[in-house]
Protein backbone atom coordinates (compact mmCIF):
# COMPACT_ATOMS: atom_id res chain seq x y z
CA MET A 1 95.70 84.91 37.79
CA SER A 2 95.05 87.98 39.53
CA ASN A 3 92.23 90.45 39.22
CA HIS A 4 93.91 93.27 38.92
CA PRO A 5 92.81 95.41 35.64
CA GLU A 6 96.74 96.26 34.74
CA ASP A 7 97.26 92.62 34.52
CA THR A 8 94.88 91.92 31.69
CA ALA A 9 95.95 92.42 28.43
CA VAL A 10 93.37 93.63 25.86
CA TYR A 11 93.97 93.63 21.63
CA VAL A 12 92.95 96.47 20.03
CA GLU A 13 92.79 96.34 16.36
CA ASN A 14 94.21 99.35 15.13
CA THR A 15 93.91 98.74 11.28
CA ASP A 16 91.53 100.65 9.27
CA PRO A 17 88.40 98.23 8.28
CA GLU A 18 88.66 99.42 4.81
CA ALA A 19 92.41 98.91 4.36
CA ARG A 20 91.51 95.24 5.49
CA GLN A 21 89.19 94.26 2.83
CA LYS A 22 90.85 92.02 -0.19
CA GLN A 23 91.67 93.81 -3.32
CA PRO A 24 91.43 91.97 -6.24
CA PRO A 25 94.82 91.05 -7.92
CA SER A 26 95.53 92.41 -11.14
CA ASN A 27 96.98 89.25 -12.35
CA ILE A 28 93.86 87.19 -12.38
CA HIS A 29 92.16 87.83 -15.41
CA GLY A 30 88.70 88.11 -14.84
CA TRP A 31 88.57 88.45 -11.09
CA GLY A 32 85.88 90.20 -9.80
CA ALA A 33 83.55 89.81 -12.83
CA ASP A 34 80.86 89.36 -10.90
CA LEU A 35 80.75 93.04 -9.05
CA ASP A 36 79.86 95.42 -12.24
CA PRO A 37 76.71 93.39 -14.01
CA ARG A 38 78.00 95.18 -17.44
CA ALA A 39 81.66 93.17 -17.14
CA ARG A 40 79.45 89.31 -16.81
CA PRO A 41 79.79 87.71 -19.76
CA ALA A 42 76.41 86.05 -19.29
CA VAL A 43 74.47 89.49 -19.34
CA PRO A 44 74.10 90.39 -23.01
CA MET A 45 72.94 86.33 -23.39
CA GLU A 46 70.27 86.23 -20.64
CA ARG A 47 67.53 87.73 -22.78
CA THR A 48 68.46 86.67 -26.21
CA PRO A 49 66.41 84.59 -26.97
CA PRO A 50 63.94 86.41 -25.20
CA ARG A 51 61.95 84.36 -22.42
CA PHE A 52 58.70 82.90 -22.94
CA ILE A 53 55.94 84.41 -21.55
CA GLU A 54 53.74 81.50 -22.25
CA PRO A 55 54.40 77.39 -22.33
CA HIS A 56 55.88 76.75 -25.21
CA TYR A 57 54.06 73.49 -25.50
CA GLU A 58 50.79 72.44 -25.83
CA GLN A 59 48.94 71.27 -22.30
CA PRO A 60 48.18 66.80 -22.75
CA GLU A 61 44.55 66.25 -21.79
CA GLN A 62 43.80 64.99 -18.42
CA GLN A 63 44.05 61.48 -17.90
CA PRO A 64 40.91 59.78 -16.65
CA VAL A 65 40.92 58.53 -13.08
CA THR A 66 40.13 55.19 -12.63
CA VAL A 67 42.22 54.51 -9.46
CA LYS A 68 42.96 56.42 -6.56
CA VAL A 69 45.76 58.47 -7.02
CA PHE A 70 47.45 60.65 -4.05
CA HIS A 71 48.55 64.18 -4.89
CA SER A 72 50.27 66.81 -2.61
CA THR A 73 48.18 69.19 -0.42
CA GLU A 74 50.93 71.74 -1.49
CA ARG A 75 49.14 71.87 -5.46
CA PRO A 76 45.97 72.21 -6.57
CA GLY A 77 43.87 69.36 -8.27
CA LEU A 78 46.35 66.30 -10.86
CA THR A 79 48.93 66.61 -12.66
CA PRO A 80 47.91 65.60 -16.68
CA VAL A 81 49.06 62.44 -16.21
CA PHE A 82 50.16 59.85 -13.46
CA GLY A 83 50.60 56.11 -13.04
CA THR A 84 48.44 53.67 -12.15
CA SER A 85 50.56 50.52 -12.50
CA SER A 86 50.00 49.90 -8.62
CA PRO A 87 47.53 51.55 -6.67
CA PRO A 88 47.28 51.86 -3.26
CA SER A 89 45.93 49.28 -1.41
CA GLY A 90 45.40 47.23 1.54
CA VAL A 91 47.10 48.46 4.94
CA SER A 92 49.46 50.15 3.07
CA GLY A 93 47.24 52.13 1.55
CA LEU A 94 45.03 53.04 4.42
CA ILE A 95 48.70 54.21 6.12
CA ARG A 96 49.69 56.07 2.31
CA ALA A 97 46.33 58.00 2.38
CA GLY A 98 47.04 58.98 5.76
CA ALA A 99 50.55 60.30 5.30
CA PHE A 100 49.14 62.49 1.94
CA ARG A 101 47.11 64.65 4.86
CA PHE A 102 50.09 66.19 5.95
CA SER A 103 52.32 68.34 4.17
CA GLU A 104 55.20 67.88 2.20
CA ASN A 105 57.61 69.64 4.77
CA ASP A 106 55.86 67.28 7.89
CA ILE A 107 58.16 64.67 8.82
CA ARG A 108 55.94 62.47 10.08
CA ARG A 109 54.32 62.32 5.75
CA TRP A 110 57.65 61.12 5.05
CA LEU A 111 57.77 58.17 8.00
CA MET A 112 54.38 57.24 7.07
CA LEU A 113 55.49 56.45 3.49
CA LEU A 114 58.82 54.64 4.61
CA PHE A 115 56.55 53.08 7.25
CA ALA A 116 53.66 51.80 4.21
CA ASP A 117 56.58 50.68 2.00
CA ARG A 118 57.37 48.34 4.65
CA VAL A 119 54.08 47.20 5.10
CA ASN A 120 53.57 46.77 1.56
CA VAL A 121 56.53 44.04 1.68
CA VAL A 122 54.94 42.08 4.13
CA GLU A 123 51.60 41.91 2.11
CA GLY A 124 53.28 41.15 -1.29
CA ILE A 125 54.85 38.43 0.91
CA LEU A 126 51.66 37.21 2.78
CA GLN A 127 50.06 37.89 -0.94
CA ASP A 128 52.21 35.28 -2.67
CA LEU A 129 51.58 32.60 0.06
CA SER A 130 47.95 32.92 -0.47
CA HIS A 131 48.30 31.96 -3.75
CA GLY A 132 50.66 28.91 -3.16
CA HIS A 133 53.89 30.77 -3.80
CA VAL A 134 56.78 30.54 -1.10
CA PRO A 135 58.84 33.18 -1.83
CA ASP A 136 62.66 32.88 -2.36
CA ILE A 137 63.63 35.89 0.04
CA PHE A 138 67.32 34.74 -0.19
CA ARG A 139 67.42 35.40 -3.67
CA GLU A 140 64.87 38.01 -4.05
CA MET A 141 67.29 40.09 -1.74
CA GLY A 142 70.08 39.80 -3.86
CA GLY A 143 71.76 37.17 -1.71
CA PRO A 144 73.64 35.07 -4.52
CA ALA A 145 75.41 37.82 -5.82
CA GLU A 146 76.28 39.02 -2.12
CA TRP A 147 77.83 36.12 -1.90
CA LYS A 148 79.66 36.01 -5.19
CA TYR A 149 80.62 39.68 -4.93
CA ASN A 150 81.24 40.35 -1.45
CA ARG A 151 81.66 37.92 0.61
CA ALA A 152 83.20 39.75 3.33
CA GLY A 153 80.01 41.77 3.62
CA PHE A 154 78.14 38.62 3.54
CA TYR A 155 79.74 37.01 6.50
CA ARG A 156 79.29 40.59 8.06
CA LYS A 157 75.99 40.74 7.45
CA ALA A 158 75.00 36.80 8.55
CA ALA A 159 77.01 37.27 11.98
CA ILE A 160 74.58 40.56 12.55
CA ALA A 161 71.70 38.83 11.90
CA GLY A 162 72.31 35.78 13.89
CA ALA A 163 73.35 37.81 16.63
CA VAL A 164 70.30 39.67 16.66
CA VAL A 165 68.31 36.25 16.11
CA ALA A 166 70.44 34.90 19.29
CA ILE A 167 69.04 38.08 21.50
CA LEU A 168 65.36 37.44 20.49
CA LEU A 169 65.49 34.05 21.46
CA TYR A 170 67.64 34.85 24.81
CA ALA A 171 65.19 37.71 25.90
CA ASN A 172 62.06 35.49 24.78
CA SER A 173 62.95 32.48 26.92
CA ARG A 174 63.90 34.72 29.98
CA ARG A 175 59.92 35.79 29.89
CA ARG A 176 58.93 32.80 29.38
CA ARG A 177 60.92 31.55 32.83
CA HIS A 178 59.82 34.77 34.76
């Protein structure tokens, strides 16, 4: 490869840019209908019936607040109606309270809420054990259905779980020796 300017080929577009623009094909009915607003079929119907200026419903009365209800920092106040079936409690409730201090577009909020869900599962298992009920985790996580309808997936998950347990046991035994 030489460094002489005459050896370098330069491609120059000689076509007029307006000639290169796509022209609407005449054989397709409705092509380019969005170019002219008067040609769009929905334009005459957009204002018929006229849009509502005020809400066409009555605002429901505010539900009384009897438990802690989290709401977004982007919205003022509470919605008129909200759920109270599972109020925040325990460590997971504290994590959720911390998460709701952040904006909805902050990743920390969503990661904390996901973590709070996992903590809530552990709290539920501990609560079951404290009441004398041993949870059937295999059945509650869909083990029998997985065995019946997706046996290959069951074997794959069992192999992965076994490998993880074996690695953890091996790492723990090496740590005890040292």
